Amino acid sequence: MNTRTLIWASAILALAVAFGAFGAHGIEARVDIRAYHNWQTAAQYQFYHGLALLGLAALEGKLATRIVSLVRIFFVLGVLCFSGSLYLLATREMLGTDFLTRVLGPITPLGGLLFIAGWVVLLVGALHGLKRPGH
């Protein structure tokens, strides 16, 4: 089991649960429906990619170390960019950070691209691993 990836997975999943609960019980009544939906989307994608990191940690020895490292980097940065920007956008009125909208708006799709890049690297790593005897 890849310890570094397991640590990232655990931290991201713990925060996903906390942010999901905070969304349901802390901000639901304080933001509009669109902002609440954005918050929930951020928590869901954070959860999905935390679980993906957990699975990735279990693949140690089955995939090249550089593949695992690159996928981990893409997923962690994806969570920070995608989920992080959505959390901030969802609470911008509550926090008085409307001025960040122009900066945060483009960061969300960048996070999505990082997620996609991680999945593509994992696919390529898996296909490459299948070509070698014993994998």
N, C-alpha and C. Protein backbone atom coordinates (compact mmCIF):
# COMPACT_ATOMS: atom_id res chain seq x y z
N MET A 1 0.86 -1.18 0.00
CA MET A 1 0.00 0.00 0.00
C MET A 1 0.90 1.23 0.00
N ASN A 2 0.60 2.18 -0.87
CA ASN A 2 1.38 3.42 -0.97
C ASN A 2 0.95 4.36 0.15
N THR A 3 1.84 4.56 1.12
CA THR A 3 1.52 5.34 2.31
C THR A 3 1.20 6.79 2.00
N ARG A 4 1.97 7.41 1.13
CA ARG A 4 1.74 8.83 0.80
C ARG A 4 0.35 9.00 0.18
N THR A 5 0.00 8.12 -0.73
CA THR A 5 -1.32 8.22 -1.37
C THR A 5 -2.42 7.93 -0.36
N LEU A 6 -2.19 6.97 0.54
CA LEU A 6 -3.17 6.66 1.59
C LEU A 6 -3.39 7.86 2.51
N ILE A 7 -2.33 8.57 2.84
CA ILE A 7 -2.46 9.76 3.69
C ILE A 7 -3.30 10.82 2.99
N TRP A 8 -3.00 11.08 1.71
CA TRP A 8 -3.80 12.06 0.95
C TRP A 8 -5.26 11.62 0.86
N ALA A 9 -5.48 10.34 0.58
CA ALA A 9 -6.85 9.83 0.47
C ALA A 9 -7.61 10.03 1.78
N SER A 10 -6.97 9.68 2.88
CA SER A 10 -7.62 9.81 4.19
C SER A 10 -7.96 11.25 4.51
N ALA A 11 -7.03 12.16 4.26
CA ALA A 11 -7.28 13.57 4.55
C ALA A 11 -8.39 14.13 3.67
N ILE A 12 -8.34 13.81 2.38
CA ILE A 12 -9.35 14.31 1.45
C ILE A 12 -10.73 13.75 1.79
N LEU A 13 -10.79 12.48 2.16
CA LEU A 13 -12.08 11.87 2.52
C LEU A 13 -12.62 12.42 3.83
N ALA A 14 -11.77 12.61 4.81
CA ALA A 14 -12.22 13.19 6.08
C ALA A 14 -12.80 14.59 5.86
N LEU A 15 -12.10 15.38 5.05
CA LEU A 15 -12.59 16.73 4.76
C LEU A 15 -13.87 16.69 3.91
N ALA A 16 -13.98 15.71 3.02
CA ALA A 16 -15.20 15.59 2.21
C ALA A 16 -16.42 15.33 3.10
N VAL A 17 -16.25 14.48 4.09
CA VAL A 17 -17.35 14.21 5.02
C VAL A 17 -17.68 15.48 5.81
N ALA A 18 -16.65 16.15 6.31
CA ALA A 18 -16.87 17.37 7.09
C ALA A 18 -17.53 18.46 6.24
N PHE A 19 -17.03 18.67 5.02
CA PHE A 19 -17.61 19.70 4.16
C PHE A 19 -19.02 19.32 3.73
N GLY A 20 -19.25 18.05 3.46
CA GLY A 20 -20.60 17.60 3.11
C GLY A 20 -21.58 17.86 4.24
N ALA A 21 -21.17 17.53 5.45
CA ALA A 21 -22.02 17.75 6.62
C ALA A 21 -22.25 19.24 6.86
N PHE A 22 -21.19 20.02 6.71
CA PHE A 22 -21.33 21.46 6.89
C PHE A 22 -22.27 22.04 5.85
N GLY A 23 -22.19 21.52 4.63
CA GLY A 23 -23.10 21.99 3.59
C GLY A 23 -24.55 21.69 3.93
N ALA A 24 -24.79 20.50 4.46
CA ALA A 24 -26.16 20.09 4.77
C ALA A 24 -26.71 20.77 6.02
N HIS A 25 -25.83 21.07 6.96
CA HIS A 25 -26.32 21.58 8.24
C HIS A 25 -25.88 23.00 8.56
N GLY A 26 -24.88 23.50 7.86
CA GLY A 26 -24.35 24.81 8.21
C GLY A 26 -24.65 25.92 7.23
N ILE A 27 -24.68 25.58 5.94
CA ILE A 27 -24.89 26.67 4.97
C ILE A 27 -26.17 26.54 4.16
N GLU A 28 -26.82 25.40 4.22
CA GLU A 28 -27.99 25.17 3.36
C GLU A 28 -29.00 26.31 3.46
N ALA A 29 -29.28 26.77 4.67
CA ALA A 29 -30.28 27.83 4.86
C ALA A 29 -29.69 29.23 4.65
N ARG A 30 -28.38 29.32 4.46
CA ARG A 30 -27.73 30.63 4.38
C ARG A 30 -27.32 31.04 2.97
N VAL A 31 -27.48 30.11 2.00
CA VAL A 31 -27.11 30.42 0.61
C VAL A 31 -28.28 30.06 -0.30
N ASP A 32 -28.23 30.56 -1.54
CA ASP A 32 -29.30 30.22 -2.48
C ASP A 32 -29.11 28.79 -3.00
N ILE A 33 -30.10 28.30 -3.70
CA ILE A 33 -30.12 26.90 -4.15
C ILE A 33 -28.95 26.59 -5.08
N ARG A 34 -28.58 27.54 -5.93
CA ARG A 34 -27.46 27.31 -6.85
C ARG A 34 -26.14 27.16 -6.07
N ALA A 35 -25.93 28.03 -5.11
CA ALA A 35 -24.71 27.96 -4.30
C ALA A 35 -24.68 26.64 -3.51
N TYR A 36 -25.83 26.25 -2.98
CA TYR A 36 -25.90 24.98 -2.24
C TYR A 36 -25.59 23.80 -3.17
N HIS A 37 -26.13 23.84 -4.38
CA HIS A 37 -25.85 22.79 -5.36
C HIS A 37 -24.35 22.74 -5.68
N ASN A 38 -23.73 23.90 -5.85
CA ASN A 38 -22.29 23.95 -6.10
C ASN A 38 -21.50 23.34 -4.95
N TRP A 39 -21.92 23.63 -3.73
CA TRP A 39 -21.25 23.07 -2.54
C TRP A 39 -21.35 21.54 -2.56
N GLN A 40 -22.55 21.04 -2.83
CA GLN A 40 -22.75 19.59 -2.86
C GLN A 40 -21.93 18.94 -3.98
N THR A 41 -21.86 19.58 -5.14
CA THR A 41 -21.04 19.07 -6.24
C THR A 41 -19.58 19.01 -5.83
N ALA A 42 -19.11 20.04 -5.17
CA ALA A 42 -17.71 20.06 -4.71
C ALA A 42 -17.45 18.90 -3.76
N ALA A 43 -18.35 18.68 -2.81
CA ALA A 43 -18.17 17.59 -1.84
C ALA A 43 -18.22 16.23 -2.54
N GLN A 44 -19.13 16.06 -3.50
CA GLN A 44 -19.22 14.78 -4.22
C GLN A 44 -17.94 14.48 -4.99
N TYR A 45 -17.44 15.45 -5.73
CA TYR A 45 -16.22 15.21 -6.51
C TYR A 45 -15.02 15.01 -5.61
N GLN A 46 -15.00 15.69 -4.48
CA GLN A 46 -13.93 15.47 -3.52
C GLN A 46 -14.01 14.04 -2.99
N PHE A 47 -15.20 13.58 -2.70
CA PHE A 47 -15.39 12.22 -2.22
C PHE A 47 -14.97 11.19 -3.27
N TYR A 48 -15.45 11.38 -4.50
CA TYR A 48 -15.10 10.45 -5.58
C TYR A 48 -13.60 10.31 -5.72
N HIS A 49 -12.90 11.44 -5.71
CA HIS A 49 -11.47 11.39 -5.97
C HIS A 49 -10.68 11.00 -4.73
N GLY A 50 -11.24 11.19 -3.56
CA GLY A 50 -10.64 10.62 -2.35
C GLY A 50 -10.71 9.10 -2.39
N LEU A 51 -11.85 8.58 -2.81
CA LEU A 51 -11.99 7.12 -2.95
C LEU A 51 -11.07 6.59 -4.05
N ALA A 52 -10.93 7.37 -5.12
CA ALA A 52 -10.02 6.96 -6.20
C ALA A 52 -8.59 6.91 -5.68
N LEU A 53 -8.20 7.86 -4.84
CA LEU A 53 -6.86 7.84 -4.25
C LEU A 53 -6.68 6.64 -3.33
N LEU A 54 -7.73 6.27 -2.63
CA LEU A 54 -7.68 5.08 -1.78
C LEU A 54 -7.42 3.84 -2.62
N GLY A 55 -8.11 3.72 -3.74
CA GLY A 55 -7.87 2.61 -4.67
C GLY A 55 -6.48 2.67 -5.26
N LEU A 56 -6.03 3.87 -5.57
CA LEU A 56 -4.69 4.04 -6.12
C LEU A 56 -3.63 3.59 -5.13
N ALA A 57 -3.84 3.88 -3.85
CA ALA A 57 -2.88 3.46 -2.82
C ALA A 57 -2.75 1.94 -2.79
N ALA A 58 -3.84 1.26 -3.07
CA ALA A 58 -3.83 -0.21 -3.06
C ALA A 58 -3.14 -0.80 -4.28
N LEU A 59 -2.89 0.01 -5.29
CA LEU A 59 -2.28 -0.48 -6.53
C LEU A 59 -0.75 -0.48 -6.49
N GLU A 60 -0.17 -0.16 -5.35
CA GLU A 60 1.29 -0.16 -5.25
C GLU A 60 1.84 -1.51 -5.69
N GLY A 61 2.83 -1.46 -6.55
CA GLY A 61 3.44 -2.68 -7.07
C GLY A 61 2.78 -3.19 -8.33
N LYS A 62 1.58 -2.73 -8.62
CA LYS A 62 0.88 -3.16 -9.83
C LYS A 62 1.02 -2.11 -10.94
N LEU A 63 1.29 -0.89 -10.55
CA LEU A 63 1.52 0.20 -11.50
C LEU A 63 2.89 0.81 -11.21
N ALA A 64 3.49 1.38 -12.22
CA ALA A 64 4.78 2.05 -12.04
C ALA A 64 4.64 3.17 -11.01
N THR A 65 5.66 3.35 -10.20
CA THR A 65 5.66 4.37 -9.16
C THR A 65 5.40 5.75 -9.74
N ARG A 66 5.97 6.05 -10.89
CA ARG A 66 5.78 7.37 -11.51
C ARG A 66 4.32 7.58 -11.93
N ILE A 67 3.65 6.51 -12.32
CA ILE A 67 2.23 6.62 -12.69
C ILE A 67 1.41 6.94 -11.45
N VAL A 68 1.65 6.20 -10.37
CA VAL A 68 0.93 6.43 -9.12
C VAL A 68 1.16 7.87 -8.64
N SER A 69 2.41 8.32 -8.69
CA SER A 69 2.74 9.68 -8.25
C SER A 69 2.04 10.74 -9.10
N LEU A 70 2.06 10.55 -10.40
CA LEU A 70 1.45 11.53 -11.29
C LEU A 70 -0.07 11.57 -11.12
N VAL A 71 -0.69 10.42 -11.02
CA VAL A 71 -2.14 10.37 -10.80
C VAL A 71 -2.48 11.04 -9.47
N ARG A 72 -1.70 10.74 -8.43
CA ARG A 72 -1.94 11.35 -7.11
C ARG A 72 -1.85 12.87 -7.21
N ILE A 73 -0.83 13.37 -7.88
CA ILE A 73 -0.67 14.83 -8.03
C ILE A 73 -1.87 15.43 -8.76
N PHE A 74 -2.28 14.81 -9.87
CA PHE A 74 -3.42 15.33 -10.62
C PHE A 74 -4.71 15.31 -9.79
N PHE A 75 -4.96 14.22 -9.06
CA PHE A 75 -6.19 14.15 -8.27
C PHE A 75 -6.18 15.13 -7.10
N VAL A 76 -5.05 15.26 -6.41
CA VAL A 76 -4.98 16.20 -5.29
C VAL A 76 -5.14 17.64 -5.79
N LEU A 77 -4.43 17.99 -6.86
CA LEU A 77 -4.58 19.33 -7.41
C LEU A 77 -5.98 19.55 -7.96
N GLY A 78 -6.58 18.50 -8.52
CA GLY A 78 -7.95 18.59 -9.00
C GLY A 78 -8.92 18.90 -7.88
N VAL A 79 -8.76 18.22 -6.75
CA VAL A 79 -9.62 18.49 -5.59
C VAL A 79 -9.44 19.93 -5.13
N LEU A 80 -8.18 20.36 -5.02
CA LEU A 80 -7.93 21.73 -4.57
C LEU A 80 -8.55 22.75 -5.52
N CYS A 81 -8.34 22.57 -6.81
CA CYS A 81 -8.85 23.53 -7.79
C CYS A 81 -10.35 23.43 -7.99
N PHE A 82 -10.84 22.22 -8.26
CA PHE A 82 -12.26 22.05 -8.58
C PHE A 82 -13.12 22.25 -7.33
N SER A 83 -12.92 21.39 -6.35
CA SER A 83 -13.76 21.47 -5.15
C SER A 83 -13.48 22.75 -4.36
N GLY A 84 -12.21 23.09 -4.23
CA GLY A 84 -11.87 24.30 -3.48
C GLY A 84 -12.50 25.56 -4.05
N SER A 85 -12.44 25.70 -5.37
CA SER A 85 -13.02 26.90 -5.99
C SER A 85 -14.55 26.88 -5.86
N LEU A 86 -15.16 25.71 -5.98
CA LEU A 86 -16.62 25.64 -5.82
C LEU A 86 -17.05 25.95 -4.39
N TYR A 87 -16.30 25.48 -3.40
CA TYR A 87 -16.62 25.82 -2.00
C TYR A 87 -16.56 27.33 -1.81
N LEU A 88 -15.52 27.95 -2.33
CA LEU A 88 -15.37 29.40 -2.18
C LEU A 88 -16.43 30.17 -2.97
N LEU A 89 -16.75 29.69 -4.17
CA LEU A 89 -17.80 30.34 -4.95
C LEU A 89 -19.16 30.21 -4.28
N ALA A 90 -19.43 29.05 -3.69
CA ALA A 90 -20.72 28.82 -3.04
C ALA A 90 -20.92 29.73 -1.83
N THR A 91 -19.84 30.10 -1.19
CA THR A 91 -19.96 30.90 0.03
C THR A 91 -19.52 32.36 -0.16
N ARG A 92 -19.35 32.78 -1.39
CA ARG A 92 -18.81 34.12 -1.64
C ARG A 92 -19.70 35.23 -1.08
N GLU A 93 -21.01 35.09 -1.15
CA GLU A 93 -21.89 36.12 -0.60
C GLU A 93 -21.83 36.10 0.93
N MET A 94 -21.81 34.91 1.49
CA MET A 94 -21.75 34.75 2.93
C MET A 94 -20.45 35.31 3.49
N LEU A 95 -19.35 35.09 2.77
CA LEU A 95 -18.03 35.52 3.22
C LEU A 95 -17.65 36.92 2.74
N GLY A 96 -18.45 37.47 1.83
CA GLY A 96 -18.13 38.78 1.28
C GLY A 96 -16.94 38.75 0.34
N THR A 97 -16.80 37.65 -0.41
CA THR A 97 -15.65 37.50 -1.31
C THR A 97 -16.09 37.48 -2.77
N ASP A 98 -17.12 38.25 -3.10
CA ASP A 98 -17.60 38.33 -4.49
C ASP A 98 -16.50 38.74 -5.45
N PHE A 99 -15.56 39.53 -4.98
CA PHE A 99 -14.47 40.02 -5.84
C PHE A 99 -13.60 38.88 -6.36
N LEU A 100 -13.65 37.70 -5.74
CA LEU A 100 -12.84 36.56 -6.18
C LEU A 100 -13.48 35.77 -7.32
N THR A 101 -14.73 36.08 -7.65
CA THR A 101 -15.45 35.30 -8.65
C THR A 101 -14.72 35.24 -9.99
N ARG A 102 -14.16 36.34 -10.42
CA ARG A 102 -13.46 36.36 -11.72
C ARG A 102 -12.21 35.48 -11.71
N VAL A 103 -11.61 35.33 -10.55
CA VAL A 103 -10.42 34.48 -10.43
C VAL A 103 -10.82 33.02 -10.24
N LEU A 104 -11.81 32.78 -9.41
CA LEU A 104 -12.20 31.41 -9.08
C LEU A 104 -12.94 30.71 -10.21
N GLY A 105 -13.73 31.46 -10.98
CA GLY A 105 -14.50 30.87 -12.07
C GLY A 105 -13.66 30.01 -13.01
N PRO A 106 -12.54 30.51 -13.51
CA PRO A 106 -11.71 29.70 -14.42
C PRO A 106 -10.95 28.56 -13.72
N ILE A 107 -10.81 28.63 -12.42
CA ILE A 107 -10.07 27.58 -11.70
C ILE A 107 -10.89 26.28 -11.63
N THR A 108 -12.22 26.40 -11.57
CA THR A 108 -13.06 25.21 -11.47
C THR A 108 -12.86 24.27 -12.66
N PRO A 109 -12.97 24.76 -13.92
CA PRO A 109 -12.74 23.84 -15.04
C PRO A 109 -11.30 23.33 -15.11
N LEU A 110 -10.34 24.12 -14.64
CA LEU A 110 -8.96 23.65 -14.58
C LEU A 110 -8.88 22.42 -13.67
N GLY A 111 -9.59 22.47 -12.55
CA GLY A 111 -9.64 21.32 -11.66
C GLY A 111 -10.26 20.10 -12.34
N GLY A 112 -11.30 20.33 -13.12
CA GLY A 112 -11.91 19.24 -13.88
C GLY A 112 -10.94 18.63 -14.87
N LEU A 113 -10.16 19.48 -15.53
CA LEU A 113 -9.14 18.98 -16.46
C LEU A 113 -8.07 18.17 -15.73
N LEU A 114 -7.72 18.59 -14.53
CA LEU A 114 -6.75 17.82 -13.73
C LEU A 114 -7.31 16.45 -13.37
N PHE A 115 -8.59 16.39 -13.04
CA PHE A 115 -9.22 15.08 -12.78
C PHE A 115 -9.13 14.20 -14.02
N ILE A 116 -9.50 14.75 -15.16
CA ILE A 116 -9.47 13.99 -16.41
C ILE A 116 -8.04 13.53 -16.70
N ALA A 117 -7.07 14.41 -16.52
CA ALA A 117 -5.67 14.05 -16.76
C ALA A 117 -5.25 12.88 -15.86
N GLY A 118 -5.68 12.91 -14.61
CA GLY A 118 -5.36 11.81 -13.70
C GLY A 118 -5.93 10.49 -14.18
N TRP A 119 -7.18 10.52 -14.63
CA TRP A 119 -7.82 9.29 -15.12
C TRP A 119 -7.15 8.80 -16.41
N VAL A 120 -6.75 9.72 -17.28
CA VAL A 120 -6.07 9.33 -18.52
C VAL A 120 -4.70 8.72 -18.21
N VAL A 121 -3.97 9.32 -17.29
CA VAL A 121 -2.67 8.75 -16.90
C VAL A 121 -2.86 7.36 -16.30
N LEU A 122 -3.89 7.20 -15.49
CA LEU A 122 -4.18 5.88 -14.92
C LEU A 122 -4.51 4.87 -16.01
N LEU A 123 -5.29 5.28 -16.99
CA LEU A 123 -5.63 4.41 -18.12
C LEU A 123 -4.38 4.01 -18.89
N VAL A 124 -3.56 4.98 -19.21
CA VAL A 124 -2.32 4.69 -19.96
C VAL A 124 -1.41 3.77 -19.14
N GLY A 125 -1.31 4.05 -17.83
CA GLY A 125 -0.50 3.18 -16.97
C GLY A 125 -1.03 1.77 -16.93
N ALA A 126 -2.34 1.62 -16.85
CA ALA A 126 -2.95 0.29 -16.83
C ALA A 126 -2.73 -0.43 -18.15
N LEU A 127 -2.91 0.27 -19.26
CA LEU A 127 -2.70 -0.35 -20.57
C LEU A 127 -1.24 -0.74 -20.75
N HIS A 128 -0.34 0.10 -20.32
CA HIS A 128 1.07 -0.20 -20.41
C HIS A 128 1.42 -1.42 -19.53
N GLY A 129 0.82 -1.46 -18.35
CA GLY A 129 1.06 -2.57 -17.42
C GLY A 129 0.54 -3.88 -17.96
N LEU A 130 -0.54 -3.83 -18.74
CA LEU A 130 -1.11 -5.04 -19.31
C LEU A 130 -0.23 -5.63 -20.41
N LYS A 131 0.60 -4.80 -21.02
CA LYS A 131 1.45 -5.26 -22.11
C LYS A 131 2.67 -6.02 -21.61
N ARG A 132 3.05 -5.77 -20.36
CA ARG A 132 4.23 -6.43 -19.82
C ARG A 132 3.86 -7.77 -19.22
N PRO A 133 4.66 -8.78 -19.42
CA PRO A 133 4.38 -10.10 -18.84
C PRO A 133 4.33 -9.99 -17.31
N GLY A 134 3.39 -10.70 -16.73
CA GLY A 134 3.27 -10.75 -15.29
C GLY A 134 2.45 -9.62 -14.70
N HIS A 135 1.86 -8.77 -15.53
CA HIS A 135 1.03 -7.67 -15.01
C HIS A 135 -0.36 -7.76 -15.50
